[in-house]
Each structure stands twice: as structure tokens, then as C-alpha cells.
Amino acid sequence: MHYLVGIDITKTLNISVEIQVRTVFEEAWSEIDHIMRYPYDVDNPIITEYLGIFNRIVGSADEMGTFLKKLKKILEM
């Protein structure tokens, strides 16, 4: 998720920043993707397939984490 934030310092000076928020799983995925793609051939079909599979696993793990947070709230009621 990305947030764009801007603040007017003066009437003529505006500073904008982008804040990126990631889950632990998204951060792990990003690190692994970077490690696998940059030292090797980016267009290698085996690496692309591996990263696609891993991306789906990470997405599922992220979904499970979100579900567990919701479940915890329900059980605490």
C-alpha cells in the first residue's frame, strides 16, 4: 500500500513524500524477488515460474495472517 503525503512548508515550497507500508510477508517476498532477479537473468523462465509460485504462497500467508487477526478479535468479544 502506498500513501502520498504532501505538506506546504511555505506558500511556494511544498514537500511530497511517498510512504510504502508492507506486511512482513510482502517484505520477505520483496527481498527474495530482489535476490533472485538481479544477479541472474531477469527473463529466465525457471526463475519467473519459481517467483510466481512463491508469490502465491506469500499472498496466501498474508491472507492467513489477516484472517487470524480477525478471528482473534471475534474470540475476544
N, C-alpha and C. Protein backbone atom coordinates (compact mmCIF):
# COMPACT_ATOMS: atom_id res chain seq x y z
N MET A 1 0.84 -1.15 0.00
CA MET A 1 0.00 0.00 0.00
C MET A 1 0.90 1.24 0.00
N HIS A 2 0.54 2.20 -0.79
CA HIS A 2 1.33 3.43 -0.90
C HIS A 2 0.47 4.61 -0.48
N TYR A 3 1.08 5.52 0.25
CA TYR A 3 0.41 6.76 0.64
C TYR A 3 1.25 7.92 0.12
N LEU A 4 0.61 8.87 -0.51
CA LEU A 4 1.29 10.09 -0.92
C LEU A 4 0.91 11.18 0.07
N VAL A 5 1.92 11.79 0.66
CA VAL A 5 1.70 12.81 1.68
C VAL A 5 2.41 14.08 1.25
N GLY A 6 1.72 15.18 1.34
CA GLY A 6 2.33 16.46 0.99
C GLY A 6 2.09 17.47 2.10
N ILE A 7 3.03 18.36 2.26
CA ILE A 7 2.89 19.41 3.26
C ILE A 7 3.42 20.71 2.67
N ASP A 8 2.69 21.78 2.90
CA ASP A 8 3.13 23.10 2.46
C ASP A 8 4.03 23.69 3.53
N ILE A 9 5.31 23.82 3.22
CA ILE A 9 6.26 24.41 4.15
C ILE A 9 6.09 25.92 4.15
N THR A 10 6.04 26.47 2.98
CA THR A 10 5.75 27.90 2.80
C THR A 10 4.76 28.01 1.65
N LYS A 11 4.40 29.22 1.28
CA LYS A 11 3.46 29.39 0.17
C LYS A 11 4.02 28.88 -1.15
N THR A 12 5.33 28.85 -1.28
CA THR A 12 5.94 28.42 -2.54
C THR A 12 6.69 27.09 -2.43
N LEU A 13 6.77 26.53 -1.25
CA LEU A 13 7.52 25.28 -1.07
C LEU A 13 6.61 24.19 -0.53
N ASN A 14 6.40 23.17 -1.37
CA ASN A 14 5.60 22.02 -0.98
C ASN A 14 6.49 20.80 -1.04
N ILE A 15 6.47 20.01 0.01
CA ILE A 15 7.26 18.78 0.04
C ILE A 15 6.30 17.60 0.01
N SER A 16 6.57 16.68 -0.91
CA SER A 16 5.75 15.47 -1.04
C SER A 16 6.63 14.25 -0.82
N VAL A 17 6.07 13.27 -0.15
CA VAL A 17 6.77 12.00 0.07
C VAL A 17 5.80 10.86 -0.19
N GLU A 18 6.36 9.72 -0.51
CA GLU A 18 5.56 8.51 -0.68
C GLU A 18 5.94 7.57 0.45
N ILE A 19 4.95 7.08 1.15
CA ILE A 19 5.16 6.13 2.24
C ILE A 19 4.63 4.78 1.78
N GLN A 20 5.48 3.77 1.84
CA GLN A 20 5.07 2.43 1.45
C GLN A 20 4.93 1.58 2.70
N VAL A 21 3.77 0.96 2.86
CA VAL A 21 3.51 0.10 4.01
C VAL A 21 3.37 -1.33 3.50
N ARG A 22 4.14 -2.24 4.10
CA ARG A 22 4.09 -3.64 3.69
C ARG A 22 3.93 -4.53 4.91
N THR A 23 3.34 -5.68 4.67
CA THR A 23 3.29 -6.68 5.73
C THR A 23 4.66 -7.36 5.79
N VAL A 24 4.86 -8.15 6.82
CA VAL A 24 6.11 -8.91 6.94
C VAL A 24 6.27 -9.84 5.74
N PHE A 25 5.17 -10.44 5.31
CA PHE A 25 5.23 -11.36 4.18
C PHE A 25 5.57 -10.63 2.88
N GLU A 26 4.99 -9.45 2.69
CA GLU A 26 5.30 -8.67 1.49
C GLU A 26 6.77 -8.25 1.48
N GLU A 27 7.29 -7.90 2.64
CA GLU A 27 8.70 -7.51 2.73
C GLU A 27 9.61 -8.70 2.41
N ALA A 28 9.26 -9.87 2.94
CA ALA A 28 10.05 -11.08 2.65
C ALA A 28 10.02 -11.39 1.16
N TRP A 29 8.83 -11.30 0.56
CA TRP A 29 8.69 -11.54 -0.88
C TRP A 29 9.57 -10.59 -1.67
N SER A 30 9.55 -9.34 -1.30
CA SER A 30 10.33 -8.32 -2.00
C SER A 30 11.82 -8.64 -1.94
N GLU A 31 12.29 -9.05 -0.77
CA GLU A 31 13.71 -9.39 -0.61
C GLU A 31 14.09 -10.59 -1.47
N ILE A 32 13.26 -11.63 -1.45
CA ILE A 32 13.56 -12.83 -2.22
C ILE A 32 13.52 -12.53 -3.72
N ASP A 33 12.52 -11.77 -4.14
CA ASP A 33 12.41 -11.39 -5.55
C ASP A 33 13.67 -10.64 -5.99
N HIS A 34 14.12 -9.73 -5.17
CA HIS A 34 15.32 -8.94 -5.50
C HIS A 34 16.56 -9.84 -5.57
N ILE A 35 16.70 -10.74 -4.61
CA ILE A 35 17.86 -11.64 -4.57
C ILE A 35 17.89 -12.53 -5.82
N MET A 36 16.73 -13.01 -6.24
CA MET A 36 16.67 -13.94 -7.37
C MET A 36 16.77 -13.25 -8.73
N ARG A 37 16.21 -12.07 -8.87
CA ARG A 37 16.16 -11.42 -10.19
C ARG A 37 17.44 -10.69 -10.56
N TYR A 38 18.04 -9.99 -9.64
CA TYR A 38 19.10 -9.07 -10.05
C TYR A 38 20.45 -9.72 -10.34
N PRO A 39 20.87 -10.73 -9.61
CA PRO A 39 22.16 -11.30 -10.01
C PRO A 39 22.05 -12.21 -11.23
N TYR A 40 20.84 -12.66 -11.54
CA TYR A 40 20.66 -13.63 -12.61
C TYR A 40 19.85 -13.02 -13.75
N ASP A 41 19.57 -13.84 -14.73
CA ASP A 41 18.81 -13.42 -15.90
C ASP A 41 17.36 -13.13 -15.50
N VAL A 42 16.94 -11.90 -15.67
CA VAL A 42 15.59 -11.49 -15.29
C VAL A 42 14.53 -12.26 -16.08
N ASP A 43 14.82 -12.59 -17.33
CA ASP A 43 13.84 -13.24 -18.19
C ASP A 43 13.93 -14.77 -18.17
N ASN A 44 14.66 -15.32 -17.23
CA ASN A 44 14.80 -16.77 -17.14
C ASN A 44 13.45 -17.38 -16.76
N PRO A 45 12.89 -18.27 -17.60
CA PRO A 45 11.55 -18.82 -17.32
C PRO A 45 11.48 -19.64 -16.04
N ILE A 46 12.55 -20.30 -15.67
CA ILE A 46 12.55 -21.09 -14.43
C ILE A 46 12.47 -20.17 -13.22
N ILE A 47 13.26 -19.10 -13.22
CA ILE A 47 13.21 -18.14 -12.12
C ILE A 47 11.84 -17.46 -12.08
N THR A 48 11.31 -17.10 -13.24
CA THR A 48 9.99 -16.46 -13.30
C THR A 48 8.91 -17.38 -12.74
N GLU A 49 8.96 -18.66 -13.10
CA GLU A 49 7.98 -19.62 -12.58
C GLU A 49 8.12 -19.79 -11.07
N TYR A 50 9.35 -19.94 -10.60
CA TYR A 50 9.60 -20.08 -9.16
C TYR A 50 9.06 -18.87 -8.40
N LEU A 51 9.35 -17.68 -8.90
CA LEU A 51 8.90 -16.47 -8.22
C LEU A 51 7.38 -16.34 -8.26
N GLY A 52 6.76 -16.80 -9.33
CA GLY A 52 5.29 -16.79 -9.40
C GLY A 52 4.67 -17.70 -8.35
N ILE A 53 5.24 -18.89 -8.20
CA ILE A 53 4.76 -19.83 -7.18
C ILE A 53 4.98 -19.24 -5.79
N PHE A 54 6.15 -18.72 -5.56
CA PHE A 54 6.46 -18.14 -4.25
C PHE A 54 5.56 -16.95 -3.95
N ASN A 55 5.26 -16.16 -4.96
CA ASN A 55 4.37 -15.01 -4.78
C ASN A 55 2.99 -15.46 -4.30
N ARG A 56 2.48 -16.54 -4.88
CA ARG A 56 1.18 -17.05 -4.45
C ARG A 56 1.23 -17.58 -3.02
N ILE A 57 2.32 -18.25 -2.66
CA ILE A 57 2.47 -18.75 -1.29
C ILE A 57 2.48 -17.59 -0.31
N VAL A 58 3.24 -16.56 -0.63
CA VAL A 58 3.33 -15.39 0.25
C VAL A 58 1.97 -14.70 0.36
N GLY A 59 1.26 -14.59 -0.76
CA GLY A 59 -0.07 -13.99 -0.73
C GLY A 59 -1.01 -14.77 0.18
N SER A 60 -0.94 -16.09 0.12
CA SER A 60 -1.77 -16.93 0.98
C SER A 60 -1.39 -16.77 2.45
N ALA A 61 -0.10 -16.70 2.73
CA ALA A 61 0.35 -16.49 4.11
C ALA A 61 -0.14 -15.15 4.64
N ASP A 62 -0.10 -14.14 3.81
CA ASP A 62 -0.58 -12.82 4.20
C ASP A 62 -2.08 -12.87 4.50
N GLU A 63 -2.82 -13.56 3.65
CA GLU A 63 -4.27 -13.72 3.87
C GLU A 63 -4.55 -14.46 5.17
N MET A 64 -3.76 -15.50 5.45
CA MET A 64 -3.94 -16.26 6.69
C MET A 64 -3.67 -15.39 7.91
N GLY A 65 -2.65 -14.55 7.83
CA GLY A 65 -2.35 -13.64 8.93
C GLY A 65 -3.49 -12.67 9.18
N THR A 66 -4.07 -12.14 8.11
CA THR A 66 -5.21 -11.23 8.24
C THR A 66 -6.41 -11.96 8.85
N PHE A 67 -6.66 -13.18 8.40
CA PHE A 67 -7.75 -13.98 8.95
C PHE A 67 -7.56 -14.22 10.44
N LEU A 68 -6.34 -14.56 10.84
CA LEU A 68 -6.08 -14.83 12.26
C LEU A 68 -6.30 -13.59 13.12
N LYS A 69 -5.95 -12.42 12.61
CA LYS A 69 -6.21 -11.19 13.36
C LYS A 69 -7.71 -10.99 13.56
N LYS A 70 -8.49 -11.21 12.49
CA LYS A 70 -9.94 -11.07 12.59
C LYS A 70 -10.52 -12.10 13.57
N LEU A 71 -10.04 -13.34 13.48
CA LEU A 71 -10.51 -14.40 14.36
C LEU A 71 -10.21 -14.07 15.82
N LYS A 72 -9.03 -13.55 16.08
CA LYS A 72 -8.65 -13.18 17.44
C LYS A 72 -9.60 -12.13 18.00
N LYS A 73 -9.95 -11.14 17.19
CA LYS A 73 -10.90 -10.11 17.64
C LYS A 73 -12.25 -10.71 17.97
N ILE A 74 -12.71 -11.64 17.13
CA ILE A 74 -14.00 -12.28 17.36
C ILE A 74 -13.98 -13.09 18.66
N LEU A 75 -12.91 -13.83 18.88
CA LEU A 75 -12.81 -14.68 20.07
C LEU A 75 -12.68 -13.87 21.35
N GLU A 76 -12.18 -12.65 21.25
CA GLU A 76 -12.01 -11.80 22.43
C GLU A 76 -13.30 -11.09 22.82
N MET A 77 -14.34 -11.19 21.98
CA MET A 77 -15.60 -10.49 22.28
C MET A 77 -16.32 -11.15 23.43
